[in-house]
N, C-alpha and C. Protein backbone atom coordinates (compact mmCIF):
# COMPACT_ATOMS: atom_id res chain seq x y z
N UNK A 1 0.55 34.60 6.08
CA UNK A 1 1.58 33.72 5.53
C UNK A 1 2.22 32.73 6.49
N UNK A 2 2.50 33.02 7.82
CA UNK A 2 2.97 32.01 8.52
C UNK A 2 1.93 30.68 8.71
N UNK A 3 0.54 31.03 8.72
CA UNK A 3 -0.34 29.83 8.78
C UNK A 3 -0.15 28.92 7.61
N UNK A 4 0.18 29.58 6.44
CA UNK A 4 0.28 28.73 5.23
C UNK A 4 1.47 27.65 5.21
N UNK A 5 2.62 28.49 5.94
CA UNK A 5 3.72 27.69 5.91
C UNK A 5 3.74 26.60 6.97
N UNK A 6 3.05 26.88 8.08
CA UNK A 6 2.59 25.84 9.08
C UNK A 6 1.83 24.84 8.48
N UNK A 7 0.86 25.04 7.67
CA UNK A 7 0.06 24.01 7.03
C UNK A 7 0.88 23.20 6.06
N UNK A 8 1.65 23.72 5.26
CA UNK A 8 2.43 23.01 4.34
C UNK A 8 3.51 22.17 4.92
N UNK A 9 4.08 22.71 6.08
CA UNK A 9 5.00 21.93 7.03
C UNK A 9 4.31 20.71 7.60
N UNK A 10 3.07 20.91 8.04
CA UNK A 10 2.35 19.76 8.62
C UNK A 10 1.95 18.65 7.38
N UNK A 11 1.59 19.21 6.29
CA UNK A 11 1.42 18.16 5.24
C UNK A 11 2.66 17.54 4.93
N UNK A 12 3.77 18.17 4.74
CA UNK A 12 4.90 17.49 4.49
C UNK A 12 5.46 16.50 5.48
N UNK A 13 5.21 16.79 6.81
CA UNK A 13 5.41 16.05 7.93
C UNK A 13 4.48 14.63 7.82
N UNK A 14 3.39 14.77 7.53
CA UNK A 14 2.36 13.58 7.40
C UNK A 14 2.84 12.73 6.21
N UNK A 15 3.18 13.49 5.19
CA UNK A 15 3.58 12.83 3.92
C UNK A 15 4.73 11.93 4.28
N UNK A 16 5.96 12.47 5.03
CA UNK A 16 7.00 11.78 5.43
C UNK A 16 6.60 10.50 6.35
N UNK A 17 5.55 10.69 7.29
CA UNK A 17 5.28 9.75 8.11
C UNK A 17 4.72 8.49 7.38
N UNK A 18 3.90 8.69 6.44
CA UNK A 18 3.32 7.75 5.57
C UNK A 18 4.38 7.14 4.58
N UNK A 19 5.21 7.84 4.02
CA UNK A 19 6.47 7.24 3.33
C UNK A 19 7.33 6.39 4.22
N UNK A 20 7.50 6.96 5.38
CA UNK A 20 8.32 6.01 6.22
C UNK A 20 7.76 4.66 6.67
N UNK A 21 6.25 4.73 6.84
CA UNK A 21 5.49 3.51 7.16
C UNK A 21 5.60 2.57 6.19
N UNK A 22 5.52 3.08 4.80
CA UNK A 22 5.52 2.33 3.75
C UNK A 22 7.01 1.60 3.47
N UNK A 23 7.93 2.34 3.76
CA UNK A 23 9.29 1.70 3.74
C UNK A 23 9.46 0.62 4.66
N UNK A 24 9.10 0.92 5.86
CA UNK A 24 9.13 0.05 7.10
C UNK A 24 8.45 -1.35 6.75
N UNK A 25 7.20 -1.12 6.20
CA UNK A 25 6.40 -2.38 5.80
C UNK A 25 7.00 -3.21 4.77
N UNK A 26 7.60 -2.44 3.69
CA UNK A 26 8.37 -3.10 2.70
C UNK A 26 9.67 -3.79 3.04
N UNK A 27 10.36 -3.29 4.11
CA UNK A 27 11.54 -3.74 4.45
C UNK A 27 11.41 -4.94 5.61
N UNK A 28 10.47 -4.73 6.52
CA UNK A 28 10.51 -5.71 7.63
C UNK A 28 9.33 -6.87 7.38
N UNK A 29 8.40 -6.62 6.49
CA UNK A 29 7.44 -7.65 6.28
C UNK A 29 7.69 -8.58 5.13
N UNK A 30 7.72 -9.92 5.29
CA UNK A 30 8.08 -10.70 4.19
C UNK A 30 6.96 -11.49 3.94
N UNK A 31 6.28 -11.44 2.60
CA UNK A 31 5.09 -12.17 2.25
C UNK A 31 5.40 -13.60 2.28
N UNK A 32 4.30 -14.52 2.65
CA UNK A 32 4.59 -15.80 2.50
C UNK A 32 3.93 -16.39 1.33
N UNK A 33 4.58 -16.89 0.24
CA UNK A 33 3.96 -17.32 -0.95
C UNK A 33 3.23 -18.58 -0.57
N UNK A 34 2.09 -18.83 -1.30
CA UNK A 34 1.36 -20.16 -1.27
C UNK A 34 0.61 -20.27 -2.43
N UNK A 35 0.31 -21.51 -2.75
CA UNK A 35 -0.35 -21.80 -4.10
C UNK A 35 -1.96 -21.59 -3.88
N UNK A 36 -2.43 -21.15 -4.89
CA UNK A 36 -3.99 -20.82 -5.04
C UNK A 36 -4.41 -21.90 -6.02
N UNK A 37 -5.48 -22.37 -5.62
CA UNK A 37 -6.22 -23.44 -6.53
C UNK A 37 -7.62 -23.07 -6.50
N UNK A 38 -8.14 -22.75 -7.80
CA UNK A 38 -9.49 -22.47 -8.02
C UNK A 38 -10.13 -23.25 -9.05
N UNK A 39 -11.27 -23.76 -8.68
CA UNK A 39 -11.97 -24.51 -10.00
C UNK A 39 -12.74 -23.64 -10.77
N UNK A 40 -12.64 -23.95 -12.09
CA UNK A 40 -13.42 -23.26 -13.04
C UNK A 40 -14.46 -24.13 -13.60
N UNK A 41 -15.70 -23.58 -13.54
CA UNK A 41 -16.83 -24.50 -14.06
C UNK A 41 -16.65 -24.62 -15.50
N UNK A 42 -17.09 -25.74 -16.02
CA UNK A 42 -16.91 -26.05 -17.49
C UNK A 42 -17.85 -25.14 -18.39
N UNK A 43 -18.77 -24.57 -17.70
CA UNK A 43 -19.69 -23.59 -18.67
C UNK A 43 -19.03 -22.40 -18.93
N UNK A 44 -17.89 -21.93 -18.20
CA UNK A 44 -17.22 -20.80 -18.32
C UNK A 44 -16.13 -21.07 -19.50
N UNK A 45 -15.81 -22.21 -19.53
CA UNK A 45 -14.71 -22.62 -20.57
C UNK A 45 -15.05 -22.62 -21.99
N UNK A 46 -16.43 -22.92 -22.20
CA UNK A 46 -16.98 -22.92 -23.42
C UNK A 46 -17.43 -21.63 -24.11
N UNK A 47 -17.16 -20.49 -23.42
CA UNK A 47 -17.73 -19.26 -23.82
C UNK A 47 -16.97 -18.79 -24.94
């Protein structure tokens, strides 16, 4: 039983690290919006 508890504790710890990393990225990284221009061939418009 102690090894199962230790395993679950490690999984919870790793999940917490992943969650903290996602929160840090969402908080400190600001995306730079820019315009995207893509030409569409006329053959695709007539379908």
